[in-house]
Amino acid sequence: KVPYWSCLGATEDEPGVTAEVRDWYDTMATRPA
């Protein structure tokens, strides 16, 4: 869960990146630990 997209020239504003970050967060947030 590190921003690997920066190695590919993408930024956090890309829709695909935004969706992936949201998915990471939602997955972890459902399991607080």
ModelCIF file with pLDDT and N, C-alpha, C, O atoms, coordinates in Angstrom:
data_MODEL
#
_entry.id   MODEL 
#
_entity.id                         1 
_entity.type                       polymer 
_entity.pdbx_number_of_molecules   1 
#
_entity_poly.entity_id                      1 
_entity_poly.type                           'polypeptide(L)' 
_entity_poly.nstd_linkage                   no 
_entity_poly.nstd_monomer                   no 
_entity_poly.pdbx_seq_one_letter_code       KVPYWSCLGATEDEPGVTAEVRDWYDTMATRPA 
_entity_poly.pdbx_seq_one_letter_code_can   KVPYWSCLGATEDEPGVTAEVRDWYDTMATRPA 
_entity_poly.pdbx_strand_id                 A 
#
loop_
_entity_poly_seq.entity_id 
_entity_poly_seq.num 
_entity_poly_seq.mon_id 
_entity_poly_seq.hetero 
1 1  LYS n 
1 2  VAL n 
1 3  PRO n 
1 4  TYR n 
1 5  TRP n 
1 6  SER n 
1 7  CYS n 
1 8  LEU n 
1 9  GLY n 
1 10 ALA n 
1 11 THR n 
1 12 GLU n 
1 13 ASP n 
1 14 GLU n 
1 15 PRO n 
1 16 GLY n 
1 17 VAL n 
1 18 THR n 
1 19 ALA n 
1 20 GLU n 
1 21 VAL n 
1 22 ARG n 
1 23 ASP n 
1 24 TRP n 
1 25 TYR n 
1 26 ASP n 
1 27 THR n 
1 28 MET n 
1 29 ALA n 
1 30 THR n 
1 31 ARG n 
1 32 PRO n 
1 33 ALA n 
#
_struct_asym.id          A 
_struct_asym.entity_id   1 
#
loop_
_ma_qa_metric.id 
_ma_qa_metric.mode 
_ma_qa_metric.name 
_ma_qa_metric.software_group_id 
_ma_qa_metric.type 
1 global pLDDT . pLDDT 
2 local  pLDDT . pLDDT 
#
_ma_qa_metric_global.metric_id      1 
_ma_qa_metric_global.metric_value   79.15 
_ma_qa_metric_global.model_id       1 
_ma_qa_metric_global.ordinal_id     1 
#
loop_
_ma_qa_metric_local.label_asym_id 
_ma_qa_metric_local.label_comp_id 
_ma_qa_metric_local.label_seq_id 
_ma_qa_metric_local.metric_id 
_ma_qa_metric_local.metric_value 
_ma_qa_metric_local.model_id 
_ma_qa_metric_local.ordinal_id 
A LYS 1  2 76.00 1 1  
A VAL 2  2 74.00 1 2  
A PRO 3  2 76.00 1 3  
A TYR 4  2 75.00 1 4  
A TRP 5  2 65.00 1 5  
A SER 6  2 71.00 1 6  
A CYS 7  2 69.00 1 7  
A LEU 8  2 65.00 1 8  
A GLY 9  2 66.00 1 9  
A ALA 10 2 70.00 1 10 
A THR 11 2 74.00 1 11 
A GLU 12 2 71.00 1 12 
A ASP 13 2 74.00 1 13 
A GLU 14 2 79.00 1 14 
A PRO 15 2 80.00 1 15 
A GLY 16 2 78.00 1 16 
A VAL 17 2 81.00 1 17 
A THR 18 2 85.00 1 18 
A ALA 19 2 86.00 1 19 
A GLU 20 2 85.00 1 20 
A VAL 21 2 87.00 1 21 
A ARG 22 2 86.00 1 22 
A ASP 23 2 87.00 1 23 
A TRP 24 2 86.00 1 24 
A TYR 25 2 89.00 1 25 
A ASP 26 2 87.00 1 26 
A THR 27 2 86.00 1 27 
A MET 28 2 88.00 1 28 
A ALA 29 2 82.00 1 29 
A THR 30 2 81.00 1 30 
A ARG 31 2 83.00 1 31 
A PRO 32 2 83.00 1 32 
A ALA 33 2 87.00 1 33 
#
loop_
_atom_site.group_PDB 
_atom_site.id 
_atom_site.type_symbol 
_atom_site.label_atom_id 
_atom_site.label_alt_id 
_atom_site.label_comp_id 
_atom_site.label_asym_id 
_atom_site.label_entity_id 
_atom_site.label_seq_id 
_atom_site.pdbx_PDB_ins_code 
_atom_site.Cartn_x 
_atom_site.Cartn_y 
_atom_site.Cartn_z 
_atom_site.occupancy 
_atom_site.B_iso_or_equiv 
_atom_site.pdbx_formal_charge 
_atom_site.auth_seq_id 
_atom_site.auth_comp_id 
_atom_site.auth_asym_id 
_atom_site.auth_atom_id 
_atom_site.pdbx_PDB_model_num 
ATOM 1   N N  . LYS A 1 1  ? 0.831   -1.207 0.000   1.00 76.00 ? 1  LYS A N  1 
ATOM 2   C CA . LYS A 1 1  ? 0.000   0.000  0.000   1.00 76.00 ? 1  LYS A CA 1 
ATOM 3   C C  . LYS A 1 1  ? 0.865   1.257  0.000   1.00 76.00 ? 1  LYS A C  1 
ATOM 4   O O  . LYS A 1 1  ? 0.778   2.104  0.888   1.00 76.00 ? 1  LYS A O  1 
ATOM 5   N N  . VAL A 1 2  ? 1.695   1.340  -1.023  1.00 74.00 ? 2  VAL A N  1 
ATOM 6   C CA . VAL A 1 2  ? 2.531   2.514  -1.249  1.00 74.00 ? 2  VAL A CA 1 
ATOM 7   C C  . VAL A 1 2  ? 2.205   3.059  -2.636  1.00 74.00 ? 2  VAL A C  1 
ATOM 8   O O  . VAL A 1 2  ? 1.752   2.303  -3.495  1.00 74.00 ? 2  VAL A O  1 
ATOM 9   N N  . PRO A 1 3  ? 2.424   4.351  -2.876  1.00 76.00 ? 3  PRO A N  1 
ATOM 10  C CA . PRO A 1 3  ? 2.014   4.977  -4.154  1.00 76.00 ? 3  PRO A CA 1 
ATOM 11  C C  . PRO A 1 3  ? 2.907   4.579  -5.323  1.00 76.00 ? 3  PRO A C  1 
ATOM 12  O O  . PRO A 1 3  ? 3.717   5.377  -5.796  1.00 76.00 ? 3  PRO A O  1 
ATOM 13  N N  . TYR A 1 4  ? 2.755   3.340  -5.785  1.00 75.00 ? 4  TYR A N  1 
ATOM 14  C CA . TYR A 1 4  ? 3.579   2.816  -6.869  1.00 75.00 ? 4  TYR A CA 1 
ATOM 15  C C  . TYR A 1 4  ? 3.315   3.524  -8.191  1.00 75.00 ? 4  TYR A C  1 
ATOM 16  O O  . TYR A 1 4  ? 4.148   3.481  -9.097  1.00 75.00 ? 4  TYR A O  1 
ATOM 17  N N  . TRP A 1 5  ? 2.163   4.174  -8.306  1.00 65.00 ? 5  TRP A N  1 
ATOM 18  C CA . TRP A 1 5  ? 1.814   4.826  -9.569  1.00 65.00 ? 5  TRP A CA 1 
ATOM 19  C C  . TRP A 1 5  ? 2.773   5.965  -9.898  1.00 65.00 ? 5  TRP A C  1 
ATOM 20  O O  . TRP A 1 5  ? 2.908   6.346  -11.061 1.00 65.00 ? 5  TRP A O  1 
ATOM 21  N N  . SER A 1 6  ? 3.443   6.514  -8.878  1.00 71.00 ? 6  SER A N  1 
ATOM 22  C CA . SER A 1 6  ? 4.394   7.591  -9.151  1.00 71.00 ? 6  SER A CA 1 
ATOM 23  C C  . SER A 1 6  ? 5.571   7.083  -9.983  1.00 71.00 ? 6  SER A C  1 
ATOM 24  O O  . SER A 1 6  ? 6.193   7.854  -10.713 1.00 71.00 ? 6  SER A O  1 
ATOM 25  N N  . CYS A 1 7  ? 5.881   5.771  -9.874  1.00 69.00 ? 7  CYS A N  1 
ATOM 26  C CA . CYS A 1 7  ? 6.947   5.174  -10.693 1.00 69.00 ? 7  CYS A CA 1 
ATOM 27  C C  . CYS A 1 7  ? 6.531   5.080  -12.159 1.00 69.00 ? 7  CYS A C  1 
ATOM 28  O O  . CYS A 1 7  ? 7.372   4.932  -13.046 1.00 69.00 ? 7  CYS A O  1 
ATOM 29  N N  . LEU A 1 8  ? 5.243   5.166  -12.395 1.00 65.00 ? 8  LEU A N  1 
ATOM 30  C CA . LEU A 1 8  ? 4.716   5.028  -13.754 1.00 65.00 ? 8  LEU A CA 1 
ATOM 31  C C  . LEU A 1 8  ? 4.352   6.372  -14.366 1.00 65.00 ? 8  LEU A C  1 
ATOM 32  O O  . LEU A 1 8  ? 3.823   6.423  -15.476 1.00 65.00 ? 8  LEU A O  1 
ATOM 33  N N  . GLY A 1 9  ? 4.630   7.461  -13.655 1.00 66.00 ? 9  GLY A N  1 
ATOM 34  C CA . GLY A 1 9  ? 4.336   8.786  -14.180 1.00 66.00 ? 9  GLY A CA 1 
ATOM 35  C C  . GLY A 1 9  ? 2.920   9.255  -13.944 1.00 66.00 ? 9  GLY A C  1 
ATOM 36  O O  . GLY A 1 9  ? 2.520   10.292 -14.473 1.00 66.00 ? 9  GLY A O  1 
ATOM 37  N N  . ALA A 1 10 ? 2.140   8.507  -13.151 1.00 70.00 ? 10 ALA A N  1 
ATOM 38  C CA . ALA A 1 10 ? 0.767   8.899  -12.852 1.00 70.00 ? 10 ALA A CA 1 
ATOM 39  C C  . ALA A 1 10 ? 0.733   9.710  -11.554 1.00 70.00 ? 10 ALA A C  1 
ATOM 40  O O  . ALA A 1 10 ? 1.685   9.686  -10.773 1.00 70.00 ? 10 ALA A O  1 
ATOM 41  N N  . THR A 1 11 ? -0.355  10.416 -11.336 1.00 74.00 ? 11 THR A N  1 
ATOM 42  C CA . THR A 1 11 ? -0.530  11.207 -10.115 1.00 74.00 ? 11 THR A CA 1 
ATOM 43  C C  . THR A 1 11 ? -1.797  10.762 -9.403  1.00 74.00 ? 11 THR A C  1 
ATOM 44  O O  . THR A 1 11 ? -2.604  10.000 -9.937  1.00 74.00 ? 11 THR A O  1 
ATOM 45  N N  . GLU A 1 12 ? -1.945  11.261 -8.185  1.00 71.00 ? 12 GLU A N  1 
ATOM 46  C CA . GLU A 1 12 ? -3.117  10.883 -7.396  1.00 71.00 ? 12 GLU A CA 1 
ATOM 47  C C  . GLU A 1 12 ? -4.418  11.448 -7.970  1.00 71.00 ? 12 GLU A C  1 
ATOM 48  O O  . GLU A 1 12 ? -5.503  11.065 -7.532  1.00 71.00 ? 12 GLU A O  1 
ATOM 49  N N  . ASP A 1 13 ? -4.318  12.366 -8.960  1.00 74.00 ? 13 ASP A N  1 
ATOM 50  C CA . ASP A 1 13 ? -5.511  12.942 -9.577  1.00 74.00 ? 13 ASP A CA 1 
ATOM 51  C C  . ASP A 1 13 ? -6.096  12.055 -10.678 1.00 74.00 ? 13 ASP A C  1 
ATOM 52  O O  . ASP A 1 13 ? -7.221  12.281 -11.124 1.00 74.00 ? 13 ASP A O  1 
ATOM 53  N N  . GLU A 1 14 ? -5.336  11.049 -11.117 1.00 79.00 ? 14 GLU A N  1 
ATOM 54  C CA . GLU A 1 14 ? -5.845  10.140 -12.141 1.00 79.00 ? 14 GLU A CA 1 
ATOM 55  C C  . GLU A 1 14 ? -7.046  9.370  -11.578 1.00 79.00 ? 14 GLU A C  1 
ATOM 56  O O  . GLU A 1 14 ? -6.989  8.897  -10.443 1.00 79.00 ? 14 GLU A O  1 
ATOM 57  N N  . PRO A 1 15 ? -8.124  9.236  -12.344 1.00 80.00 ? 15 PRO A N  1 
ATOM 58  C CA . PRO A 1 15 ? -9.310  8.517  -11.846 1.00 80.00 ? 15 PRO A CA 1 
ATOM 59  C C  . PRO A 1 15 ? -8.990  7.102  -11.361 1.00 80.00 ? 15 PRO A C  1 
ATOM 60  O O  . PRO A 1 15 ? -9.542  6.643  -10.361 1.00 80.00 ? 15 PRO A O  1 
ATOM 61  N N  . GLY A 1 16 ? -8.093  6.412  -12.078 1.00 78.00 ? 16 GLY A N  1 
ATOM 62  C CA . GLY A 1 16 ? -7.741  5.058  -11.675 1.00 78.00 ? 16 GLY A CA 1 
ATOM 63  C C  . GLY A 1 16 ? -7.030  5.031  -10.334 1.00 78.00 ? 16 GLY A C  1 
ATOM 64  O O  . GLY A 1 16 ? -7.257  4.139  -9.517  1.00 78.00 ? 16 GLY A O  1 
ATOM 65  N N  . VAL A 1 17 ? -6.166  6.017  -10.113 1.00 81.00 ? 17 VAL A N  1 
ATOM 66  C CA . VAL A 1 17 ? -5.448  6.106  -8.833  1.00 81.00 ? 17 VAL A CA 1 
ATOM 67  C C  . VAL A 1 17 ? -6.420  6.449  -7.710  1.00 81.00 ? 17 VAL A C  1 
ATOM 68  O O  . VAL A 1 17 ? -6.378  5.847  -6.637  1.00 81.00 ? 17 VAL A O  1 
ATOM 69  N N  . THR A 1 18 ? -7.294  7.420  -7.963  1.00 85.00 ? 18 THR A N  1 
ATOM 70  C CA . THR A 1 18 ? -8.280  7.815  -6.954  1.00 85.00 ? 18 THR A CA 1 
ATOM 71  C C  . THR A 1 18 ? -9.138  6.629  -6.529  1.00 85.00 ? 18 THR A C  1 
ATOM 72  O O  . THR A 1 18 ? -9.413  6.433  -5.346  1.00 85.00 ? 18 THR A O  1 
ATOM 73  N N  . ALA A 1 19 ? -9.553  5.844  -7.517  1.00 86.00 ? 19 ALA A N  1 
ATOM 74  C CA . ALA A 1 19 ? -10.387 4.683  -7.210  1.00 86.00 ? 19 ALA A CA 1 
ATOM 75  C C  . ALA A 1 19 ? -9.614  3.639  -6.407  1.00 86.00 ? 19 ALA A C  1 
ATOM 76  O O  . ALA A 1 19 ? -10.164 3.012  -5.502  1.00 86.00 ? 19 ALA A O  1 
ATOM 77  N N  . GLU A 1 20 ? -8.337  3.455  -6.742  1.00 85.00 ? 20 GLU A N  1 
ATOM 78  C CA . GLU A 1 20 ? -7.539  2.449  -6.029  1.00 85.00 ? 20 GLU A CA 1 
ATOM 79  C C  . GLU A 1 20 ? -7.276  2.871  -4.588  1.00 85.00 ? 20 GLU A C  1 
ATOM 80  O O  . GLU A 1 20 ? -7.346  2.048  -3.676  1.00 85.00 ? 20 GLU A O  1 
ATOM 81  N N  . VAL A 1 21 ? -6.972  4.153  -4.380  1.00 87.00 ? 21 VAL A N  1 
ATOM 82  C CA . VAL A 1 21 ? -6.750  4.653  -3.022  1.00 87.00 ? 21 VAL A CA 1 
ATOM 83  C C  . VAL A 1 21 ? -8.020  4.493  -2.184  1.00 87.00 ? 21 VAL A C  1 
ATOM 84  O O  . VAL A 1 21 ? -7.962  4.077  -1.027  1.00 87.00 ? 21 VAL A O  1 
ATOM 85  N N  . ARG A 1 22 ? -9.151  4.824  -2.776  1.00 86.00 ? 22 ARG A N  1 
ATOM 86  C CA . ARG A 1 22 ? -10.423 4.682  -2.062  1.00 86.00 ? 22 ARG A CA 1 
ATOM 87  C C  . ARG A 1 22 ? -10.680 3.216  -1.712  1.00 86.00 ? 22 ARG A C  1 
ATOM 88  O O  . ARG A 1 22 ? -11.178 2.912  -0.627  1.00 86.00 ? 22 ARG A O  1 
ATOM 89  N N  . ASP A 1 23 ? -10.342 2.312  -2.628  1.00 87.00 ? 23 ASP A N  1 
ATOM 90  C CA . ASP A 1 23 ? -10.533 0.879  -2.370  1.00 87.00 ? 23 ASP A CA 1 
ATOM 91  C C  . ASP A 1 23 ? -9.629  0.409  -1.230  1.00 87.00 ? 23 ASP A C  1 
ATOM 92  O O  . ASP A 1 23 ? -10.064 -0.350 -0.364  1.00 87.00 ? 23 ASP A O  1 
ATOM 93  N N  . TRP A 1 24 ? -8.364  0.862  -1.231  1.00 86.00 ? 24 TRP A N  1 
ATOM 94  C CA . TRP A 1 24 ? -7.449  0.510  -0.139  1.00 86.00 ? 24 TRP A CA 1 
ATOM 95  C C  . TRP A 1 24 ? -8.025  0.962  1.199   1.00 86.00 ? 24 TRP A C  1 
ATOM 96  O O  . TRP A 1 24 ? -8.067  0.200  2.165   1.00 86.00 ? 24 TRP A O  1 
ATOM 97  N N  . TYR A 1 25 ? -8.468  2.213  1.234   1.00 89.00 ? 25 TYR A N  1 
ATOM 98  C CA . TYR A 1 25 ? -8.963  2.768  2.491   1.00 89.00 ? 25 TYR A CA 1 
ATOM 99  C C  . TYR A 1 25 ? -10.217 2.031  2.961   1.00 89.00 ? 25 TYR A C  1 
ATOM 100 O O  . TYR A 1 25 ? -10.317 1.648  4.126   1.00 89.00 ? 25 TYR A O  1 
ATOM 101 N N  . ASP A 1 26 ? -11.158 1.837  2.064   1.00 87.00 ? 26 ASP A N  1 
ATOM 102 C CA . ASP A 1 26 ? -12.415 1.182  2.449   1.00 87.00 ? 26 ASP A CA 1 
ATOM 103 C C  . ASP A 1 26 ? -12.166 -0.238 2.956   1.00 87.00 ? 26 ASP A C  1 
ATOM 104 O O  . ASP A 1 26 ? -12.792 -0.686 3.916   1.00 87.00 ? 26 ASP A O  1 
ATOM 105 N N  . THR A 1 27 ? -11.250 -0.931 2.302   1.00 86.00 ? 27 THR A N  1 
ATOM 106 C CA . THR A 1 27 ? -10.944 -2.304 2.716   1.00 86.00 ? 27 THR A CA 1 
ATOM 107 C C  . THR A 1 27 ? -10.374 -2.332 4.125   1.00 86.00 ? 27 THR A C  1 
ATOM 108 O O  . THR A 1 27 ? -10.771 -3.163 4.942   1.00 86.00 ? 27 THR A O  1 
ATOM 109 N N  . MET A 1 28 ? -9.432  -1.414 4.417   1.00 88.00 ? 28 MET A N  1 
ATOM 110 C CA . MET A 1 28 ? -8.825  -1.387 5.756   1.00 88.00 ? 28 MET A CA 1 
ATOM 111 C C  . MET A 1 28 ? -9.796  -0.848 6.801   1.00 88.00 ? 28 MET A C  1 
ATOM 112 O O  . MET A 1 28 ? -9.826  -1.325 7.935   1.00 88.00 ? 28 MET A O  1 
ATOM 113 N N  . ALA A 1 29 ? -10.586 0.142  6.414   1.00 82.00 ? 29 ALA A N  1 
ATOM 114 C CA . ALA A 1 29 ? -11.490 0.772  7.380   1.00 82.00 ? 29 ALA A CA 1 
ATOM 115 C C  . ALA A 1 29 ? -12.568 -0.179 7.873   1.00 82.00 ? 29 ALA A C  1 
ATOM 116 O O  . ALA A 1 29 ? -13.079 -0.012 8.981   1.00 82.00 ? 29 ALA A O  1 
ATOM 117 N N  . THR A 1 30 ? -12.919 -1.172 7.070   1.00 81.00 ? 30 THR A N  1 
ATOM 118 C CA . THR A 1 30 ? -13.918 -2.148 7.521   1.00 81.00 ? 30 THR A CA 1 
ATOM 119 C C  . THR A 1 30 ? -13.343 -3.090 8.578   1.00 81.00 ? 30 THR A C  1 
ATOM 120 O O  . THR A 1 30 ? -14.087 -3.766 9.290   1.00 81.00 ? 30 THR A O  1 
ATOM 121 N N  . ARG A 1 31 ? -11.998 -3.129 8.675   1.00 83.00 ? 31 ARG A N  1 
ATOM 122 C CA . ARG A 1 31 ? -11.323 -3.904 9.722   1.00 83.00 ? 31 ARG A CA 1 
ATOM 123 C C  . ARG A 1 31 ? -10.408 -2.947 10.473  1.00 83.00 ? 31 ARG A C  1 
ATOM 124 O O  . ARG A 1 31 ? -9.226  -2.846 10.144  1.00 83.00 ? 31 ARG A O  1 
ATOM 125 N N  . PRO A 1 32 ? -10.926 -2.247 11.470  1.00 83.00 ? 32 PRO A N  1 
ATOM 126 C CA . PRO A 1 32 ? -10.170 -1.183 12.149  1.00 83.00 ? 32 PRO A CA 1 
ATOM 127 C C  . PRO A 1 32 ? -8.771  -1.592 12.573  1.00 83.00 ? 32 PRO A C  1 
ATOM 128 O O  . PRO A 1 32 ? -7.842  -0.791 12.469  1.00 83.00 ? 32 PRO A O  1 
ATOM 129 N N  . ALA A 1 33 ? -8.596  -2.822 13.049  1.00 87.00 ? 33 ALA A N  1 
ATOM 130 C CA . ALA A 1 33 ? -7.265  -3.253 13.497  1.00 87.00 ? 33 ALA A CA 1 
ATOM 131 C C  . ALA A 1 33 ? -6.255  -3.183 12.345  1.00 87.00 ? 33 ALA A C  1 
ATOM 132 O O  . ALA A 1 33 ? -5.082  -3.507 12.531  1.00 87.00 ? 33 ALA A O  1 
#
